[in-house]
Amino acid sequence: YLQVYLPRSGRWEGEAGVFHTDVTDGPTFELELARDRLPVVHATPGQQ
């Protein structure tokens, strides 16, 4: 969902930020949102 559907929507126009999806006893996926850029998904977190 994060890899396909968020970037499919185009460039992010909202407030920049970093969004974590934390699976219980599993991985944490990091979504990086920067204005005027496509969302970027990292399979491992690296930012607050």
All heavy atoms as atom14 arrays in JSON, in Angstrom:
{
  "sequence": "YLQVYLPRSGRWEGEAGVFHTDVTDGPTFELELARDRLPVVHATPGQQ",
  "atom14_mask": [
    [1, 1, 1, 1, 1, 1, 1, 1, 1, 1, 1, 1, 0, 0],
    [1, 1, 1, 1, 1, 1, 1, 1, 0, 0, 0, 0, 0, 0],
    [1, 1, 1, 1, 1, 1, 1, 1, 1, 0, 0, 0, 0, 0],
    [1, 1, 1, 1, 1, 1, 1, 0, 0, 0, 0, 0, 0, 0],
    [1, 1, 1, 1, 1, 1, 1, 1, 1, 1, 1, 1, 0, 0],
    [1, 1, 1, 1, 1, 1, 1, 1, 0, 0, 0, 0, 0, 0],
    [1, 1, 1, 1, 1, 1, 1, 0, 0, 0, 0, 0, 0, 0],
    [1, 1, 1, 1, 1, 1, 1, 1, 1, 1, 1, 0, 0, 0],
    [1, 1, 1, 1, 1, 1, 0, 0, 0, 0, 0, 0, 0, 0],
    [1, 1, 1, 1, 0, 0, 0, 0, 0, 0, 0, 0, 0, 0],
    [1, 1, 1, 1, 1, 1, 1, 1, 1, 1, 1, 0, 0, 0],
    [1, 1, 1, 1, 1, 1, 1, 1, 1, 1, 1, 1, 1, 1],
    [1, 1, 1, 1, 1, 1, 1, 1, 1, 0, 0, 0, 0, 0],
    [1, 1, 1, 1, 0, 0, 0, 0, 0, 0, 0, 0, 0, 0],
    [1, 1, 1, 1, 1, 1, 1, 1, 1, 0, 0, 0, 0, 0],
    [1, 1, 1, 1, 1, 0, 0, 0, 0, 0, 0, 0, 0, 0],
    [1, 1, 1, 1, 0, 0, 0, 0, 0, 0, 0, 0, 0, 0],
    [1, 1, 1, 1, 1, 1, 1, 0, 0, 0, 0, 0, 0, 0],
    [1, 1, 1, 1, 1, 1, 1, 1, 1, 1, 1, 0, 0, 0],
    [1, 1, 1, 1, 1, 1, 1, 1, 1, 1, 0, 0, 0, 0],
    [1, 1, 1, 1, 1, 1, 1, 0, 0, 0, 0, 0, 0, 0],
    [1, 1, 1, 1, 1, 1, 1, 1, 0, 0, 0, 0, 0, 0],
    [1, 1, 1, 1, 1, 1, 1, 0, 0, 0, 0, 0, 0, 0],
    [1, 1, 1, 1, 1, 1, 1, 0, 0, 0, 0, 0, 0, 0],
    [1, 1, 1, 1, 1, 1, 1, 1, 0, 0, 0, 0, 0, 0],
    [1, 1, 1, 1, 0, 0, 0, 0, 0, 0, 0, 0, 0, 0],
    [1, 1, 1, 1, 1, 1, 1, 0, 0, 0, 0, 0, 0, 0],
    [1, 1, 1, 1, 1, 1, 1, 0, 0, 0, 0, 0, 0, 0],
    [1, 1, 1, 1, 1, 1, 1, 1, 1, 1, 1, 0, 0, 0],
    [1, 1, 1, 1, 1, 1, 1, 1, 1, 0, 0, 0, 0, 0],
    [1, 1, 1, 1, 1, 1, 1, 1, 0, 0, 0, 0, 0, 0],
    [1, 1, 1, 1, 1, 1, 1, 1, 1, 0, 0, 0, 0, 0],
    [1, 1, 1, 1, 1, 1, 1, 1, 0, 0, 0, 0, 0, 0],
    [1, 1, 1, 1, 1, 0, 0, 0, 0, 0, 0, 0, 0, 0],
    [1, 1, 1, 1, 1, 1, 1, 1, 1, 1, 1, 0, 0, 0],
    [1, 1, 1, 1, 1, 1, 1, 1, 0, 0, 0, 0, 0, 0],
    [1, 1, 1, 1, 1, 1, 1, 1, 1, 1, 1, 0, 0, 0],
    [1, 1, 1, 1, 1, 1, 1, 1, 0, 0, 0, 0, 0, 0],
    [1, 1, 1, 1, 1, 1, 1, 0, 0, 0, 0, 0, 0, 0],
    [1, 1, 1, 1, 1, 1, 1, 0, 0, 0, 0, 0, 0, 0],
    [1, 1, 1, 1, 1, 1, 1, 0, 0, 0, 0, 0, 0, 0],
    [1, 1, 1, 1, 1, 1, 1, 1, 1, 1, 0, 0, 0, 0],
    [1, 1, 1, 1, 1, 0, 0, 0, 0, 0, 0, 0, 0, 0],
    [1, 1, 1, 1, 1, 1, 1, 0, 0, 0, 0, 0, 0, 0],
    [1, 1, 1, 1, 1, 1, 1, 0, 0, 0, 0, 0, 0, 0],
    [1, 1, 1, 1, 0, 0, 0, 0, 0, 0, 0, 0, 0, 0],
    [1, 1, 1, 1, 1, 1, 1, 1, 1, 0, 0, 0, 0, 0],
    [1, 1, 1, 1, 1, 1, 1, 1, 1, 0, 0, 0, 0, 0]
  ],
  "atom14_positions": [
    [[0.84, -1.2, 0.0], [0.0, 0.0, 0.0], [0.88, 1.26, 0.0], [0.66, 2.19, -0.78], [-0.92, 0.01, 1.22], [-1.84, 1.19, 1.24], [-3.1, 1.12, 0.67], [-1.43, 2.41, 1.78], [-3.94, 2.23, 0.65], [-2.26, 3.52, 1.76], [-3.51, 3.43, 1.2], [-4.33, 4.52, 1.16], [0.0, 0.0, 0.0], [0.0, 0.0, 0.0]],
    [[1.88, 1.27, 0.88], [2.74, 2.44, 0.99], [3.6, 2.63, -0.27], [3.82, 3.76, -0.72], [3.64, 2.31, 2.22], [2.9, 2.26, 3.57], [3.88, 1.96, 4.69], [2.16, 3.57, 3.84], [0.0, 0.0, 0.0], [0.0, 0.0, 0.0], [0.0, 0.0, 0.0], [0.0, 0.0, 0.0], [0.0, 0.0, 0.0], [0.0, 0.0, 0.0]],
    [[4.05, 1.53, -0.85], [4.92, 1.61, -2.03], [4.17, 1.97, -3.29], [4.71, 2.65, -4.16], [5.63, 0.27, -2.24], [6.7, -0.05, -1.23], [7.26, -1.46, -1.42], [6.55, -2.36, -1.87], [8.52, -1.65, -1.09], [0.0, 0.0, 0.0], [0.0, 0.0, 0.0], [0.0, 0.0, 0.0], [0.0, 0.0, 0.0], [0.0, 0.0, 0.0]],
    [[2.92, 1.52, -3.4], [2.19, 1.65, -4.66], [1.18, 2.79, -4.64], [1.16, 3.64, -5.53], [1.48, 0.33, -5.01], [0.54, 0.5, -6.2], [2.5, -0.76, -5.29], [0.0, 0.0, 0.0], [0.0, 0.0, 0.0], [0.0, 0.0, 0.0], [0.0, 0.0, 0.0], [0.0, 0.0, 0.0], [0.0, 0.0, 0.0], [0.0, 0.0, 0.0]],
    [[0.34, 2.84, -3.6], [-0.8, 3.75, -3.65], [-0.47, 5.18, -3.23], [-1.02, 6.13, -3.8], [-1.96, 3.18, -2.84], [-2.65, 2.1, -3.61], [-2.26, 0.78, -3.49], [-3.64, 2.4, -4.53], [-2.85, -0.22, -4.25], [-4.24, 1.42, -5.29], [-3.84, 0.1, -5.15], [-4.42, -0.86, -5.91], [0.0, 0.0, 0.0], [0.0, 0.0, 0.0]],
    [[0.42, 5.36, -2.29], [0.77, 6.73, -1.92], [1.54, 7.43, -3.05], [1.15, 8.53, -3.46], [1.55, 6.75, -0.61], [0.66, 6.62, 0.63], [1.49, 6.3, 1.86], [-0.12, 7.9, 0.86], [0.0, 0.0, 0.0], [0.0, 0.0, 0.0], [0.0, 0.0, 0.0], [0.0, 0.0, 0.0], [0.0, 0.0, 0.0], [0.0, 0.0, 0.0]],
    [[2.6, 6.85, -3.61], [3.28, 7.53, -4.72], [2.39, 7.71, -5.94], [2.57, 8.66, -6.71], [4.46, 6.6, -5.02], [4.68, 5.83, -3.79], [3.32, 5.63, -3.2], [0.0, 0.0, 0.0], [0.0, 0.0, 0.0], [0.0, 0.0, 0.0], [0.0, 0.0, 0.0], [0.0, 0.0, 0.0], [0.0, 0.0, 0.0], [0.0, 0.0, 0.0]],
    [[1.43, 6.81, -6.13], [0.53, 6.91, -7.27], [-0.27, 8.2, -7.25], [-0.74, 8.68, -8.29], [-0.41, 5.7, -7.25], [-1.3, 5.54, -8.46], [-2.23, 4.36, -8.27], [-3.14, 4.2, -9.39], [-4.32, 3.63, -9.31], [-4.76, 3.17, -8.17], [-5.08, 3.51, -10.38], [0.0, 0.0, 0.0], [0.0, 0.0, 0.0], [0.0, 0.0, 0.0]],
    [[-0.42, 8.77, -6.08], [-1.22, 9.97, -5.93], [-0.49, 11.24, -6.36], [-1.08, 12.31, -6.4], [-1.68, 10.12, -4.48], [-2.45, 9.01, -4.1], [0.0, 0.0, 0.0], [0.0, 0.0, 0.0], [0.0, 0.0, 0.0], [0.0, 0.0, 0.0], [0.0, 0.0, 0.0], [0.0, 0.0, 0.0], [0.0, 0.0, 0.0], [0.0, 0.0, 0.0]],
    [[0.8, 11.13, -6.66], [1.54, 12.28, -7.12], [2.38, 12.94, -6.04], [2.7, 12.34, -5.02], [0.0, 0.0, 0.0], [0.0, 0.0, 0.0], [0.0, 0.0, 0.0], [0.0, 0.0, 0.0], [0.0, 0.0, 0.0], [0.0, 0.0, 0.0], [0.0, 0.0, 0.0], [0.0, 0.0, 0.0], [0.0, 0.0, 0.0], [0.0, 0.0, 0.0]],
    [[2.74, 14.18, -6.27], [3.61, 14.9, -5.35], [2.83, 15.37, -4.12], [1.69, 15.8, -4.22], [4.27, 16.1, -6.05], [5.17, 15.68, -7.2], [5.78, 16.89, -7.91], [6.58, 16.47, -9.05], [7.86, 16.09, -8.98], [8.48, 16.12, -7.81], [8.51, 15.71, -10.05], [0.0, 0.0, 0.0], [0.0, 0.0, 0.0], [0.0, 0.0, 0.0]],
    [[3.47, 15.28, -2.99], [2.87, 15.68, -1.73], [2.85, 17.2, -1.63], [3.86, 17.87, -1.85], [3.67, 15.08, -0.58], [3.26, 15.52, 0.79], [3.99, 16.29, 1.66], [2.05, 15.21, 1.49], [3.32, 16.48, 2.83], [2.12, 15.83, 2.75], [0.91, 14.47, 1.14], [1.08, 15.72, 3.68], [-0.11, 14.37, 2.08], [-0.02, 14.98, 3.32]],
    [[1.69, 17.77, -1.32], [1.55, 19.22, -1.23], [1.28, 19.69, 0.19], [1.07, 20.87, 0.44], [0.41, 19.69, -2.15], [0.6, 19.35, -3.62], [1.81, 20.02, -4.23], [2.27, 21.05, -3.69], [2.33, 19.48, -5.23], [0.0, 0.0, 0.0], [0.0, 0.0, 0.0], [0.0, 0.0, 0.0], [0.0, 0.0, 0.0], [0.0, 0.0, 0.0]],
    [[1.24, 18.75, 1.14], [0.93, 19.12, 2.52], [2.18, 19.43, 3.33], [3.27, 19.65, 2.8], [0.0, 0.0, 0.0], [0.0, 0.0, 0.0], [0.0, 0.0, 0.0], [0.0, 0.0, 0.0], [0.0, 0.0, 0.0], [0.0, 0.0, 0.0], [0.0, 0.0, 0.0], [0.0, 0.0, 0.0], [0.0, 0.0, 0.0], [0.0, 0.0, 0.0]],
    [[1.99, 19.42, 4.63], [3.1, 19.7, 5.55], [4.07, 18.52, 5.54], [3.68, 17.36, 5.62], [2.54, 19.9, 6.97], [3.6, 20.21, 8.0], [3.0, 20.35, 9.39], [1.75, 20.42, 9.48], [3.77, 20.37, 10.37], [0.0, 0.0, 0.0], [0.0, 0.0, 0.0], [0.0, 0.0, 0.0], [0.0, 0.0, 0.0], [0.0, 0.0, 0.0]],
    [[5.36, 18.84, 5.43], [6.38, 17.8, 5.38], [6.43, 17.05, 6.7], [6.13, 17.6, 7.77], [7.74, 18.4, 5.05], [0.0, 0.0, 0.0], [0.0, 0.0, 0.0], [0.0, 0.0, 0.0], [0.0, 0.0, 0.0], [0.0, 0.0, 0.0], [0.0, 0.0, 0.0], [0.0, 0.0, 0.0], [0.0, 0.0, 0.0], [0.0, 0.0, 0.0]],
    [[6.83, 15.79, 6.63], [6.96, 15.02, 7.85], [7.36, 13.59, 7.59], [7.45, 13.14, 6.43], [0.0, 0.0, 0.0], [0.0, 0.0, 0.0], [0.0, 0.0, 0.0], [0.0, 0.0, 0.0], [0.0, 0.0, 0.0], [0.0, 0.0, 0.0], [0.0, 0.0, 0.0], [0.0, 0.0, 0.0], [0.0, 0.0, 0.0], [0.0, 0.0, 0.0]],
    [[7.6, 12.86, 8.67], [7.98, 11.45, 8.61], [6.92, 10.66, 9.36], [6.53, 11.0, 10.48], [9.37, 11.22, 9.23], [9.69, 9.73, 9.3], [10.43, 11.96, 8.43], [0.0, 0.0, 0.0], [0.0, 0.0, 0.0], [0.0, 0.0, 0.0], [0.0, 0.0, 0.0], [0.0, 0.0, 0.0], [0.0, 0.0, 0.0], [0.0, 0.0, 0.0]],
    [[6.44, 9.58, 8.73], [5.31, 8.82, 9.23], [5.75, 7.36, 9.38], [6.17, 6.74, 8.41], [4.17, 8.93, 8.2], [2.81, 8.54, 8.68], [1.72, 9.34, 8.42], [2.59, 7.36, 9.36], [0.44, 8.99, 8.81], [1.33, 6.98, 9.78], [0.26, 7.81, 9.5], [0.0, 0.0, 0.0], [0.0, 0.0, 0.0], [0.0, 0.0, 0.0]],
    [[5.65, 6.81, 10.58], [6.01, 5.41, 10.81], [4.77, 4.53, 10.93], [3.79, 4.92, 11.59], [6.84, 5.26, 12.09], [8.27, 5.66, 11.94], [9.21, 5.5, 12.93], [8.94, 6.21, 10.89], [10.38, 5.94, 12.51], [10.24, 6.38, 11.29], [0.0, 0.0, 0.0], [0.0, 0.0, 0.0], [0.0, 0.0, 0.0], [0.0, 0.0, 0.0]],
    [[4.81, 3.39, 10.29], [3.81, 2.33, 10.47], [4.51, 1.19, 11.19], [5.36, 0.52, 10.6], [3.23, 1.87, 9.13], [2.57, 2.97, 8.5], [2.23, 0.74, 9.32], [0.0, 0.0, 0.0], [0.0, 0.0, 0.0], [0.0, 0.0, 0.0], [0.0, 0.0, 0.0], [0.0, 0.0, 0.0], [0.0, 0.0, 0.0], [0.0, 0.0, 0.0]],
    [[4.16, 0.98, 12.44], [4.88, 0.07, 13.33], [4.05, -1.19, 13.57], [3.02, -1.16, 14.25], [5.17, 0.79, 14.66], [6.02, -0.02, 15.61], [6.51, -1.09, 15.21], [6.2, 0.42, 16.76], [0.0, 0.0, 0.0], [0.0, 0.0, 0.0], [0.0, 0.0, 0.0], [0.0, 0.0, 0.0], [0.0, 0.0, 0.0], [0.0, 0.0, 0.0]],
    [[4.48, -2.3, 12.98], [3.79, -3.58, 13.14], [4.21, -4.23, 14.45], [5.41, -4.37, 14.72], [4.08, -4.53, 11.96], [3.34, -5.85, 12.14], [3.72, -3.88, 10.64], [0.0, 0.0, 0.0], [0.0, 0.0, 0.0], [0.0, 0.0, 0.0], [0.0, 0.0, 0.0], [0.0, 0.0, 0.0], [0.0, 0.0, 0.0], [0.0, 0.0, 0.0]],
    [[3.25, -4.62, 15.28], [3.56, -5.26, 16.56], [4.44, -6.49, 16.33], [4.1, -7.38, 15.53], [2.26, -5.7, 17.26], [1.41, -4.56, 17.41], [2.56, -6.31, 18.62], [0.0, 0.0, 0.0], [0.0, 0.0, 0.0], [0.0, 0.0, 0.0], [0.0, 0.0, 0.0], [0.0, 0.0, 0.0], [0.0, 0.0, 0.0], [0.0, 0.0, 0.0]],
    [[5.57, -6.52, 17.03], [6.52, -7.64, 16.9], [6.95, -7.87, 15.45], [7.26, -9.0, 15.04], [5.93, -8.93, 17.47], [5.64, -8.83, 18.96], [6.4, -8.14, 19.66], [4.64, -9.41, 19.4], [0.0, 0.0, 0.0], [0.0, 0.0, 0.0], [0.0, 0.0, 0.0], [0.0, 0.0, 0.0], [0.0, 0.0, 0.0], [0.0, 0.0, 0.0]],
    [[6.97, -6.8, 14.67], [7.34, -6.91, 13.26], [8.08, -5.67, 12.8], [8.61, -4.9, 13.62], [0.0, 0.0, 0.0], [0.0, 0.0, 0.0], [0.0, 0.0, 0.0], [0.0, 0.0, 0.0], [0.0, 0.0, 0.0], [0.0, 0.0, 0.0], [0.0, 0.0, 0.0], [0.0, 0.0, 0.0], [0.0, 0.0, 0.0], [0.0, 0.0, 0.0]],
    [[8.12, -5.44, 11.51], [8.88, -4.31, 10.97], [8.2, -2.97, 11.2], [7.0, -2.9, 11.52], [8.95, -4.62, 9.48], [7.71, -5.4, 9.21], [7.48, -6.23, 10.44], [0.0, 0.0, 0.0], [0.0, 0.0, 0.0], [0.0, 0.0, 0.0], [0.0, 0.0, 0.0], [0.0, 0.0, 0.0], [0.0, 0.0, 0.0], [0.0, 0.0, 0.0]],
    [[8.97, -1.91, 11.05], [8.46, -0.55, 11.01], [8.78, 0.02, 9.64], [9.93, 0.03, 9.21], [9.11, 0.32, 12.1], [8.74, -0.17, 13.39], [8.65, 1.78, 11.98], [0.0, 0.0, 0.0], [0.0, 0.0, 0.0], [0.0, 0.0, 0.0], [0.0, 0.0, 0.0], [0.0, 0.0, 0.0], [0.0, 0.0, 0.0], [0.0, 0.0, 0.0]],
    [[7.74, 0.49, 8.95], [7.91, 1.08, 7.63], [7.88, 2.6, 7.78], [7.01, 3.15, 8.46], [6.81, 0.63, 6.68], [6.76, -0.86, 6.5], [5.57, -1.55, 6.7], [7.88, -1.58, 6.15], [5.51, -2.93, 6.53], [7.84, -2.95, 5.99], [6.64, -3.64, 6.18], [0.0, 0.0, 0.0], [0.0, 0.0, 0.0], [0.0, 0.0, 0.0]],
    [[8.83, 3.26, 7.13], [8.96, 4.71, 7.25], [8.52, 5.39, 5.96], [9.02, 5.07, 4.88], [10.41, 5.07, 7.56], [10.66, 6.55, 7.76], [12.07, 6.82, 8.24], [12.3, 6.7, 9.46], [12.94, 7.1, 7.4], [0.0, 0.0, 0.0], [0.0, 0.0, 0.0], [0.0, 0.0, 0.0], [0.0, 0.0, 0.0], [0.0, 0.0, 0.0]],
    [[7.6, 6.31, 6.09], [7.1, 7.1, 4.97], [7.61, 8.53, 5.12], [7.34, 9.19, 6.11], [5.57, 7.09, 4.97], [4.85, 7.95, 3.94], [5.14, 7.46, 2.53], [3.35, 7.97, 4.21], [0.0, 0.0, 0.0], [0.0, 0.0, 0.0], [0.0, 0.0, 0.0], [0.0, 0.0, 0.0], [0.0, 0.0, 0.0], [0.0, 0.0, 0.0]],
    [[8.38, 8.97, 4.12], [8.95, 10.31, 4.14], [8.17, 11.2, 3.17], [8.07, 10.9, 1.98], [10.42, 10.25, 3.73], [11.15, 11.58, 3.8], [12.61, 11.47, 3.42], [13.09, 10.32, 3.22], [13.27, 12.51, 3.33], [0.0, 0.0, 0.0], [0.0, 0.0, 0.0], [0.0, 0.0, 0.0], [0.0, 0.0, 0.0], [0.0, 0.0, 0.0]],
    [[7.6, 12.28, 3.7], [6.77, 13.18, 2.91], [7.42, 14.56, 2.87], [7.58, 15.22, 3.9], [5.37, 13.28, 3.52], [4.56, 11.98, 3.49], [3.4, 12.06, 4.46], [4.05, 11.7, 2.09], [0.0, 0.0, 0.0], [0.0, 0.0, 0.0], [0.0, 0.0, 0.0], [0.0, 0.0, 0.0], [0.0, 0.0, 0.0], [0.0, 0.0, 0.0]],
    [[7.82, 14.97, 1.68], [8.43, 16.28, 1.48], [7.63, 17.03, 0.43], [7.22, 16.44, -0.59], [9.89, 16.14, 1.04], [0.0, 0.0, 0.0], [0.0, 0.0, 0.0], [0.0, 0.0, 0.0], [0.0, 0.0, 0.0], [0.0, 0.0, 0.0], [0.0, 0.0, 0.0], [0.0, 0.0, 0.0], [0.0, 0.0, 0.0], [0.0, 0.0, 0.0]],
    [[7.41, 18.31, 0.67], [6.58, 19.1, -0.24], [7.14, 19.08, -1.66], [8.35, 19.21, -1.88], [6.47, 20.55, 0.26], [5.55, 21.43, -0.56], [5.44, 22.81, 0.04], [4.61, 22.8, 1.24], [3.28, 22.89, 1.23], [2.64, 22.99, 0.07], [2.59, 22.89, 2.35], [0.0, 0.0, 0.0], [0.0, 0.0, 0.0], [0.0, 0.0, 0.0]],
    [[6.22, 18.92, -2.62], [6.52, 18.91, -4.05], [7.36, 17.72, -4.49], [7.98, 17.74, -5.55], [7.23, 20.21, -4.48], [6.35, 21.44, -4.3], [5.13, 21.31, -4.49], [6.88, 22.5, -3.94], [0.0, 0.0, 0.0], [0.0, 0.0, 0.0], [0.0, 0.0, 0.0], [0.0, 0.0, 0.0], [0.0, 0.0, 0.0], [0.0, 0.0, 0.0]],
    [[7.39, 16.67, -3.66], [8.11, 15.45, -4.03], [7.2, 14.24, -3.86], [6.24, 14.27, -3.08], [9.36, 15.28, -3.15], [10.43, 16.32, -3.4], [11.59, 16.13, -2.43], [12.16, 14.8, -2.51], [13.05, 14.32, -1.65], [13.45, 15.07, -0.62], [13.52, 13.11, -1.79], [0.0, 0.0, 0.0], [0.0, 0.0, 0.0], [0.0, 0.0, 0.0]],
    [[7.5, 13.17, -4.59], [6.76, 11.94, -4.4], [7.08, 11.35, -3.03], [8.21, 11.46, -2.55], [7.15, 10.92, -5.48], [6.7, 11.2, -6.92], [7.27, 10.13, -7.84], [5.19, 11.26, -7.04], [0.0, 0.0, 0.0], [0.0, 0.0, 0.0], [0.0, 0.0, 0.0], [0.0, 0.0, 0.0], [0.0, 0.0, 0.0], [0.0, 0.0, 0.0]],
    [[6.11, 10.72, -2.39], [6.39, 10.04, -1.12], [7.46, 8.98, -1.31], [7.52, 8.32, -2.35], [5.04, 9.41, -0.75], [4.03, 10.22, -1.48], [4.68, 10.63, -2.77], [0.0, 0.0, 0.0], [0.0, 0.0, 0.0], [0.0, 0.0, 0.0], [0.0, 0.0, 0.0], [0.0, 0.0, 0.0], [0.0, 0.0, 0.0], [0.0, 0.0, 0.0]],
    [[8.3, 8.83, -0.3], [9.37, 7.83, -0.33], [9.16, 6.88, 0.84], [8.93, 7.31, 1.97], [10.76, 8.49, -0.23], [11.85, 7.43, -0.18], [10.99, 9.44, -1.41], [0.0, 0.0, 0.0], [0.0, 0.0, 0.0], [0.0, 0.0, 0.0], [0.0, 0.0, 0.0], [0.0, 0.0, 0.0], [0.0, 0.0, 0.0], [0.0, 0.0, 0.0]],
    [[9.22, 5.57, 0.57], [9.02, 4.56, 1.6], [10.34, 3.85, 1.87], [11.03, 3.43, 0.94], [7.96, 3.53, 1.17], [7.78, 2.46, 2.23], [6.63, 4.23, 0.9], [0.0, 0.0, 0.0], [0.0, 0.0, 0.0], [0.0, 0.0, 0.0], [0.0, 0.0, 0.0], [0.0, 0.0, 0.0], [0.0, 0.0, 0.0], [0.0, 0.0, 0.0]],
    [[10.68, 3.73, 3.16], [11.86, 3.0, 3.58], [11.4, 1.77, 4.37], [10.57, 1.89, 5.27], [12.76, 3.87, 4.46], [13.14, 5.18, 3.84], [14.07, 5.28, 2.82], [12.69, 6.45, 4.07], [14.2, 6.56, 2.47], [13.37, 7.28, 3.2], [0.0, 0.0, 0.0], [0.0, 0.0, 0.0], [0.0, 0.0, 0.0], [0.0, 0.0, 0.0]],
    [[11.96, 0.62, 4.01], [11.56, -0.62, 4.69], [12.08, -0.7, 6.11], [11.59, -1.5, 6.91], [12.04, -1.83, 3.89], [0.0, 0.0, 0.0], [0.0, 0.0, 0.0], [0.0, 0.0, 0.0], [0.0, 0.0, 0.0], [0.0, 0.0, 0.0], [0.0, 0.0, 0.0], [0.0, 0.0, 0.0], [0.0, 0.0, 0.0], [0.0, 0.0, 0.0]],
    [[13.05, 0.13, 6.45], [13.53, 0.23, 7.84], [13.59, 1.7, 8.21], [13.94, 2.54, 7.39], [14.91, -0.42, 8.0], [15.83, 0.17, 7.06], [14.86, -1.92, 7.75], [0.0, 0.0, 0.0], [0.0, 0.0, 0.0], [0.0, 0.0, 0.0], [0.0, 0.0, 0.0], [0.0, 0.0, 0.0], [0.0, 0.0, 0.0], [0.0, 0.0, 0.0]],
    [[13.25, 2.04, 9.46], [13.22, 3.44, 9.86], [14.63, 4.01, 10.05], [15.55, 3.3, 10.45], [12.47, 3.4, 11.19], [12.73, 2.04, 11.73], [12.83, 1.13, 10.54], [0.0, 0.0, 0.0], [0.0, 0.0, 0.0], [0.0, 0.0, 0.0], [0.0, 0.0, 0.0], [0.0, 0.0, 0.0], [0.0, 0.0, 0.0], [0.0, 0.0, 0.0]],
    [[14.75, 5.31, 9.78], [16.03, 5.98, 9.98], [15.89, 7.38, 10.51], [16.88, 8.06, 10.76], [0.0, 0.0, 0.0], [0.0, 0.0, 0.0], [0.0, 0.0, 0.0], [0.0, 0.0, 0.0], [0.0, 0.0, 0.0], [0.0, 0.0, 0.0], [0.0, 0.0, 0.0], [0.0, 0.0, 0.0], [0.0, 0.0, 0.0], [0.0, 0.0, 0.0]],
    [[14.63, 7.84, 10.7], [14.39, 9.21, 11.14], [13.39, 9.23, 12.29], [12.6, 8.31, 12.46], [13.84, 10.04, 9.98], [14.73, 10.07, 8.74], [14.09, 10.87, 7.62], [13.98, 12.1, 7.71], [13.68, 10.19, 6.57], [0.0, 0.0, 0.0], [0.0, 0.0, 0.0], [0.0, 0.0, 0.0], [0.0, 0.0, 0.0], [0.0, 0.0, 0.0]],
    [[13.42, 10.31, 13.04], [12.46, 10.5, 14.1], [11.09, 10.78, 13.49], [10.95, 11.68, 12.66], [12.88, 11.67, 14.99], [12.0, 11.91, 16.21], [12.09, 10.78, 17.23], [13.11, 10.1, 17.31], [11.04, 10.58, 18.0], [0.0, 0.0, 0.0], [0.0, 0.0, 0.0], [0.0, 0.0, 0.0], [0.0, 0.0, 0.0], [0.0, 0.0, 0.0]]
  ]
}
